[in-house]
Amino acid sequence: MAAAAYFGLQAVLGVLLWVGVFNSPDVRSWLDLVPARPEVTDAFLPADVVLIACSTLAAWALLRCRPWALVPVLLTAGGIVYPTAYLVGWVVITDGTAEVALGIMLTASFLSGWFAMLVWRARRRP
């Protein structure tokens, strides 16, 4: 139940994040990788739409105790780790833009991985 709640909350927060990016100059300024080129940050939107969909599906499947729930859980967790690794590199080799985005992604990666591990362990029990 906690994993379902987490993945559902993550999906909602993902939508709210992008609403904020497109509607608030302050939010955009916190998250932009290249402030002079907002399309760089916007390029993450299609992948985030897939992650939001996977997170939503994971929450629904976990709530319904579907045997295949682990699939969207792992897709979500894995899909979050890659852009997080990218942002780590970005923040290290640039002047520190996107530190807020990195903080958000590190938190999401840790929690997604944690809940994925819990779901994995629960599915392995007889």
N, C-alpha and C. Protein backbone atom coordinates (compact mmCIF):
# COMPACT_ATOMS: atom_id res chain seq x y z
N MET A 1 0.82 -1.19 0.00
CA MET A 1 0.00 0.00 0.00
C MET A 1 0.87 1.26 0.00
N ALA A 2 1.95 1.27 0.77
CA ALA A 2 2.83 2.44 0.81
C ALA A 2 3.48 2.66 -0.55
N ALA A 3 3.88 1.59 -1.21
CA ALA A 3 4.50 1.72 -2.53
C ALA A 3 3.51 2.28 -3.53
N ALA A 4 2.28 1.83 -3.49
CA ALA A 4 1.25 2.35 -4.39
C ALA A 4 1.04 3.84 -4.15
N ALA A 5 0.99 4.22 -2.88
CA ALA A 5 0.81 5.64 -2.54
C ALA A 5 2.00 6.45 -3.04
N TYR A 6 3.20 5.94 -2.86
CA TYR A 6 4.38 6.66 -3.32
C TYR A 6 4.34 6.87 -4.83
N PHE A 7 4.11 5.79 -5.59
CA PHE A 7 4.12 5.92 -7.04
C PHE A 7 2.98 6.82 -7.54
N GLY A 8 1.84 6.77 -6.88
CA GLY A 8 0.75 7.68 -7.22
C GLY A 8 1.12 9.13 -6.94
N LEU A 9 1.71 9.37 -5.78
CA LEU A 9 2.14 10.72 -5.43
C LEU A 9 3.22 11.21 -6.39
N GLN A 10 4.13 10.34 -6.76
CA GLN A 10 5.19 10.71 -7.69
C GLN A 10 4.60 11.13 -9.03
N ALA A 11 3.59 10.43 -9.50
CA ALA A 11 2.95 10.79 -10.77
C ALA A 11 2.31 12.18 -10.66
N VAL A 12 1.59 12.43 -9.59
CA VAL A 12 0.94 13.73 -9.39
C VAL A 12 1.99 14.84 -9.30
N LEU A 13 3.04 14.61 -8.54
CA LEU A 13 4.08 15.62 -8.40
C LEU A 13 4.82 15.86 -9.71
N GLY A 14 4.96 14.81 -10.52
CA GLY A 14 5.58 14.97 -11.83
C GLY A 14 4.76 15.89 -12.72
N VAL A 15 3.45 15.70 -12.70
CA VAL A 15 2.57 16.59 -13.48
C VAL A 15 2.67 18.02 -12.94
N LEU A 16 2.60 18.17 -11.63
CA LEU A 16 2.67 19.51 -11.04
C LEU A 16 4.01 20.20 -11.33
N LEU A 17 5.08 19.43 -11.36
CA LEU A 17 6.38 19.98 -11.68
C LEU A 17 6.38 20.62 -13.06
N TRP A 18 5.84 19.89 -14.04
CA TRP A 18 5.83 20.43 -15.41
C TRP A 18 4.84 21.57 -15.56
N VAL A 19 3.74 21.53 -14.84
CA VAL A 19 2.83 22.67 -14.85
C VAL A 19 3.57 23.89 -14.32
N GLY A 20 4.33 23.70 -13.26
CA GLY A 20 5.13 24.79 -12.71
C GLY A 20 6.19 25.29 -13.67
N VAL A 21 6.86 24.37 -14.35
CA VAL A 21 7.90 24.76 -15.31
C VAL A 21 7.32 25.65 -16.41
N PHE A 22 6.14 25.27 -16.91
CA PHE A 22 5.57 26.02 -18.03
C PHE A 22 4.77 27.25 -17.61
N ASN A 23 4.46 27.38 -16.33
CA ASN A 23 3.63 28.49 -15.88
C ASN A 23 4.27 29.43 -14.88
N SER A 24 5.43 29.09 -14.37
CA SER A 24 6.07 29.94 -13.36
C SER A 24 7.54 30.19 -13.74
N PRO A 25 7.87 31.44 -13.99
CA PRO A 25 9.28 31.75 -14.28
C PRO A 25 10.22 31.36 -13.13
N ASP A 26 9.72 31.44 -11.90
CA ASP A 26 10.56 31.05 -10.76
C ASP A 26 10.87 29.56 -10.79
N VAL A 27 9.84 28.74 -10.99
CA VAL A 27 10.06 27.29 -11.05
C VAL A 27 11.00 26.97 -12.20
N ARG A 28 10.77 27.57 -13.36
CA ARG A 28 11.63 27.32 -14.51
C ARG A 28 13.07 27.70 -14.18
N SER A 29 13.27 28.82 -13.50
CA SER A 29 14.64 29.26 -13.19
C SER A 29 15.34 28.28 -12.25
N TRP A 30 14.60 27.61 -11.39
CA TRP A 30 15.19 26.63 -10.48
C TRP A 30 15.62 25.36 -11.21
N LEU A 31 14.95 25.05 -12.32
CA LEU A 31 15.14 23.76 -12.96
C LEU A 31 15.89 23.80 -14.28
N ASP A 32 15.98 24.97 -14.91
CA ASP A 32 16.62 25.05 -16.23
C ASP A 32 18.08 24.63 -16.17
N LEU A 33 18.47 23.82 -17.14
CA LEU A 33 19.87 23.44 -17.27
C LEU A 33 20.68 24.56 -17.93
N VAL A 34 20.10 25.12 -18.98
CA VAL A 34 20.73 26.24 -19.68
C VAL A 34 19.69 27.36 -19.71
N PRO A 35 19.76 28.28 -18.77
CA PRO A 35 18.72 29.31 -18.66
C PRO A 35 18.43 30.06 -19.96
N ALA A 36 19.43 30.26 -20.79
CA ALA A 36 19.22 30.98 -22.06
C ALA A 36 18.56 30.11 -23.12
N ARG A 37 18.48 28.80 -22.87
CA ARG A 37 17.88 27.87 -23.83
C ARG A 37 16.90 26.94 -23.12
N PRO A 38 15.68 27.39 -22.87
CA PRO A 38 14.71 26.57 -22.14
C PRO A 38 14.37 25.25 -22.84
N GLU A 39 14.60 25.17 -24.14
CA GLU A 39 14.31 23.93 -24.86
C GLU A 39 15.17 22.76 -24.38
N VAL A 40 16.31 23.07 -23.77
CA VAL A 40 17.15 21.99 -23.22
C VAL A 40 16.40 21.27 -22.11
N THR A 41 15.83 22.02 -21.19
CA THR A 41 15.03 21.42 -20.11
C THR A 41 13.75 20.81 -20.66
N ASP A 42 13.12 21.50 -21.61
CA ASP A 42 11.87 21.00 -22.20
C ASP A 42 12.06 19.65 -22.88
N ALA A 43 13.27 19.34 -23.31
CA ALA A 43 13.53 18.06 -23.97
C ALA A 43 13.32 16.87 -23.03
N PHE A 44 13.31 17.11 -21.73
CA PHE A 44 13.07 16.04 -20.77
C PHE A 44 11.57 15.70 -20.66
N LEU A 45 10.70 16.55 -21.18
CA LEU A 45 9.26 16.35 -21.03
C LEU A 45 8.77 15.02 -21.59
N PRO A 46 9.11 14.63 -22.84
CA PRO A 46 8.58 13.34 -23.34
C PRO A 46 8.96 12.15 -22.45
N ALA A 47 10.19 12.13 -21.99
CA ALA A 47 10.60 11.03 -21.10
C ALA A 47 9.85 11.09 -19.78
N ASP A 48 9.63 12.29 -19.27
CA ASP A 48 8.88 12.42 -18.02
C ASP A 48 7.42 12.02 -18.19
N VAL A 49 6.84 12.25 -19.35
CA VAL A 49 5.47 11.80 -19.60
C VAL A 49 5.41 10.27 -19.50
N VAL A 50 6.40 9.60 -20.06
CA VAL A 50 6.46 8.13 -19.96
C VAL A 50 6.63 7.71 -18.50
N LEU A 51 7.49 8.40 -17.76
CA LEU A 51 7.68 8.06 -16.35
C LEU A 51 6.42 8.31 -15.53
N ILE A 52 5.73 9.39 -15.82
CA ILE A 52 4.48 9.69 -15.12
C ILE A 52 3.45 8.59 -15.41
N ALA A 53 3.38 8.17 -16.66
CA ALA A 53 2.45 7.09 -17.03
C ALA A 53 2.84 5.78 -16.34
N CYS A 54 4.13 5.46 -16.33
CA CYS A 54 4.59 4.22 -15.66
C CYS A 54 4.33 4.28 -14.16
N SER A 55 4.55 5.43 -13.56
CA SER A 55 4.32 5.58 -12.13
C SER A 55 2.84 5.43 -11.81
N THR A 56 1.99 6.02 -12.66
CA THR A 56 0.54 5.89 -12.48
C THR A 56 0.12 4.43 -12.62
N LEU A 57 0.64 3.77 -13.64
CA LEU A 57 0.31 2.36 -13.84
C LEU A 57 0.82 1.51 -12.69
N ALA A 58 2.01 1.82 -12.18
CA ALA A 58 2.56 1.08 -11.04
C ALA A 58 1.65 1.23 -9.82
N ALA A 59 1.22 2.45 -9.55
CA ALA A 59 0.34 2.68 -8.40
C ALA A 59 -0.96 1.90 -8.55
N TRP A 60 -1.55 1.96 -9.73
CA TRP A 60 -2.82 1.26 -9.98
C TRP A 60 -2.63 -0.25 -9.85
N ALA A 61 -1.57 -0.78 -10.46
CA ALA A 61 -1.33 -2.22 -10.43
C ALA A 61 -1.04 -2.71 -9.01
N LEU A 62 -0.32 -1.92 -8.24
CA LEU A 62 -0.05 -2.31 -6.85
C LEU A 62 -1.32 -2.29 -6.01
N LEU A 63 -2.15 -1.27 -6.21
CA LEU A 63 -3.42 -1.21 -5.47
C LEU A 63 -4.33 -2.38 -5.81
N ARG A 64 -4.28 -2.83 -7.05
CA ARG A 64 -5.13 -3.93 -7.51
C ARG A 64 -4.46 -5.29 -7.36
N CYS A 65 -3.25 -5.29 -6.78
CA CYS A 65 -2.49 -6.53 -6.55
C CYS A 65 -2.29 -7.34 -7.83
N ARG A 66 -2.02 -6.65 -8.91
CA ARG A 66 -1.77 -7.32 -10.19
C ARG A 66 -0.41 -8.02 -10.14
N PRO A 67 -0.31 -9.22 -10.67
CA PRO A 67 0.95 -9.96 -10.62
C PRO A 67 2.07 -9.30 -11.43
N TRP A 68 1.72 -8.49 -12.39
CA TRP A 68 2.70 -7.82 -13.24
C TRP A 68 3.07 -6.42 -12.73
N ALA A 69 2.65 -6.06 -11.54
CA ALA A 69 2.90 -4.71 -11.01
C ALA A 69 4.39 -4.37 -10.93
N LEU A 70 5.22 -5.38 -10.76
CA LEU A 70 6.65 -5.14 -10.65
C LEU A 70 7.21 -4.51 -11.93
N VAL A 71 6.62 -4.82 -13.07
CA VAL A 71 7.13 -4.29 -14.35
C VAL A 71 7.09 -2.76 -14.38
N PRO A 72 5.93 -2.12 -14.19
CA PRO A 72 5.96 -0.65 -14.21
C PRO A 72 6.73 -0.05 -13.03
N VAL A 73 6.79 -0.76 -11.92
CA VAL A 73 7.59 -0.28 -10.79
C VAL A 73 9.06 -0.19 -11.19
N LEU A 74 9.58 -1.26 -11.80
CA LEU A 74 10.99 -1.27 -12.21
C LEU A 74 11.25 -0.31 -13.36
N LEU A 75 10.31 -0.21 -14.29
CA LEU A 75 10.47 0.77 -15.39
C LEU A 75 10.55 2.19 -14.83
N THR A 76 9.71 2.48 -13.86
CA THR A 76 9.73 3.81 -13.26
C THR A 76 11.05 4.06 -12.53
N ALA A 77 11.45 3.12 -11.70
CA ALA A 77 12.69 3.29 -10.94
C ALA A 77 13.89 3.41 -11.87
N GLY A 78 13.97 2.55 -12.84
CA GLY A 78 15.09 2.61 -13.79
C GLY A 78 15.07 3.86 -14.63
N GLY A 79 13.88 4.27 -15.02
CA GLY A 79 13.75 5.46 -15.85
C GLY A 79 14.11 6.74 -15.13
N ILE A 80 14.06 6.72 -13.84
CA ILE A 80 14.41 7.91 -13.05
C ILE A 80 15.92 7.97 -12.79
N VAL A 81 16.56 6.83 -12.72
CA VAL A 81 17.99 6.79 -12.42
C VAL A 81 18.82 7.42 -13.55
N TYR A 82 18.46 7.18 -14.80
CA TYR A 82 19.27 7.70 -15.90
C TYR A 82 19.33 9.23 -15.92
N PRO A 83 18.20 9.95 -15.91
CA PRO A 83 18.33 11.41 -15.90
C PRO A 83 18.99 11.94 -14.63
N THR A 84 18.87 11.19 -13.54
CA THR A 84 19.55 11.60 -12.31
C THR A 84 21.07 11.54 -12.50
N ALA A 85 21.54 10.45 -13.09
CA ALA A 85 22.97 10.33 -13.37
C ALA A 85 23.43 11.43 -14.31
N TYR A 86 22.62 11.74 -15.30
CA TYR A 86 22.91 12.82 -16.23
C TYR A 86 23.04 14.15 -15.48
N LEU A 87 22.08 14.41 -14.60
CA LEU A 87 22.12 15.67 -13.84
C LEU A 87 23.31 15.75 -12.89
N VAL A 88 23.71 14.63 -12.32
CA VAL A 88 24.91 14.63 -11.48
C VAL A 88 26.10 15.12 -12.31
N GLY A 89 26.26 14.53 -13.48
CA GLY A 89 27.34 14.96 -14.37
C GLY A 89 27.21 16.41 -14.76
N TRP A 90 25.99 16.83 -15.08
CA TRP A 90 25.74 18.21 -15.50
C TRP A 90 26.15 19.21 -14.41
N VAL A 91 25.69 18.96 -13.19
CA VAL A 91 25.97 19.88 -12.09
C VAL A 91 27.47 19.91 -11.80
N VAL A 92 28.13 18.77 -11.91
CA VAL A 92 29.56 18.70 -11.61
C VAL A 92 30.38 19.47 -12.66
N ILE A 93 30.03 19.33 -13.94
CA ILE A 93 30.87 19.93 -14.99
C ILE A 93 30.44 21.33 -15.42
N THR A 94 29.32 21.83 -14.89
CA THR A 94 28.89 23.19 -15.24
C THR A 94 29.04 24.10 -14.05
N ASP A 95 28.50 25.27 -14.18
CA ASP A 95 28.60 26.26 -13.12
C ASP A 95 27.57 26.05 -12.01
N GLY A 96 26.96 24.87 -11.98
CA GLY A 96 26.03 24.56 -10.90
C GLY A 96 24.58 24.81 -11.23
N THR A 97 24.27 25.05 -12.51
CA THR A 97 22.85 25.18 -12.84
C THR A 97 22.17 23.84 -12.60
N ALA A 98 20.90 23.89 -12.33
CA ALA A 98 20.06 22.70 -12.14
C ALA A 98 20.31 21.97 -10.83
N GLU A 99 20.84 22.63 -9.84
CA GLU A 99 21.05 21.98 -8.55
C GLU A 99 19.72 21.61 -7.89
N VAL A 100 18.70 22.44 -8.07
CA VAL A 100 17.37 22.11 -7.53
C VAL A 100 16.82 20.88 -8.23
N ALA A 101 16.95 20.84 -9.55
CA ALA A 101 16.49 19.67 -10.32
C ALA A 101 17.21 18.42 -9.84
N LEU A 102 18.51 18.53 -9.61
CA LEU A 102 19.27 17.38 -9.12
C LEU A 102 18.77 16.93 -7.76
N GLY A 103 18.49 17.86 -6.88
CA GLY A 103 17.96 17.49 -5.56
C GLY A 103 16.64 16.74 -5.67
N ILE A 104 15.78 17.23 -6.55
CA ILE A 104 14.49 16.56 -6.77
C ILE A 104 14.72 15.15 -7.31
N MET A 105 15.60 15.05 -8.29
CA MET A 105 15.83 13.74 -8.93
C MET A 105 16.55 12.76 -8.01
N LEU A 106 17.48 13.24 -7.19
CA LEU A 106 18.13 12.34 -6.25
C LEU A 106 17.12 11.76 -5.26
N THR A 107 16.22 12.62 -4.80
CA THR A 107 15.18 12.16 -3.88
C THR A 107 14.27 11.14 -4.56
N ALA A 108 13.82 11.46 -5.77
CA ALA A 108 12.94 10.55 -6.51
C ALA A 108 13.64 9.24 -6.83
N SER A 109 14.91 9.29 -7.18
CA SER A 109 15.66 8.06 -7.48
C SER A 109 15.79 7.18 -6.25
N PHE A 110 16.14 7.79 -5.14
CA PHE A 110 16.29 7.02 -3.91
C PHE A 110 14.96 6.37 -3.52
N LEU A 111 13.90 7.17 -3.48
CA LEU A 111 12.60 6.64 -3.06
C LEU A 111 12.05 5.61 -4.04
N SER A 112 12.20 5.87 -5.33
CA SER A 112 11.73 4.89 -6.33
C SER A 112 12.50 3.58 -6.20
N GLY A 113 13.80 3.70 -6.02
CA GLY A 113 14.61 2.49 -5.84
C GLY A 113 14.24 1.74 -4.58
N TRP A 114 14.01 2.48 -3.51
CA TRP A 114 13.64 1.87 -2.24
C TRP A 114 12.31 1.12 -2.36
N PHE A 115 11.31 1.78 -2.92
CA PHE A 115 10.02 1.12 -3.06
C PHE A 115 10.06 -0.02 -4.08
N ALA A 116 10.88 0.12 -5.11
CA ALA A 116 11.04 -0.98 -6.06
C ALA A 116 11.63 -2.21 -5.37
N MET A 117 12.61 -1.98 -4.50
CA MET A 117 13.20 -3.09 -3.75
C MET A 117 12.16 -3.74 -2.84
N LEU A 118 11.35 -2.92 -2.18
CA LEU A 118 10.31 -3.48 -1.31
C LEU A 118 9.30 -4.31 -2.10
N VAL A 119 8.90 -3.80 -3.25
CA VAL A 119 7.94 -4.55 -4.10
C VAL A 119 8.60 -5.82 -4.60
N TRP A 120 9.85 -5.75 -5.02
CA TRP A 120 10.59 -6.93 -5.49
C TRP A 120 10.63 -7.99 -4.40
N ARG A 121 10.97 -7.59 -3.19
CA ARG A 121 11.04 -8.54 -2.08
C ARG A 121 9.67 -9.14 -1.77
N ALA A 122 8.65 -8.32 -1.80
CA ALA A 122 7.30 -8.82 -1.51
C ALA A 122 6.85 -9.81 -2.57
N ARG A 123 7.22 -9.60 -3.81
CA ARG A 123 6.83 -10.51 -4.91
C ARG A 123 7.58 -11.82 -4.84
N ARG A 124 8.74 -11.83 -4.23
CA ARG A 124 9.55 -13.05 -4.14
C ARG A 124 9.10 -13.96 -3.01
N ARG A 125 8.32 -13.43 -2.09
CA ARG A 125 7.85 -14.27 -0.98
C ARG A 125 6.83 -15.28 -1.49
N PRO A 126 6.90 -16.52 -0.95
CA PRO A 126 5.93 -17.54 -1.39
C PRO A 126 4.52 -17.25 -0.93
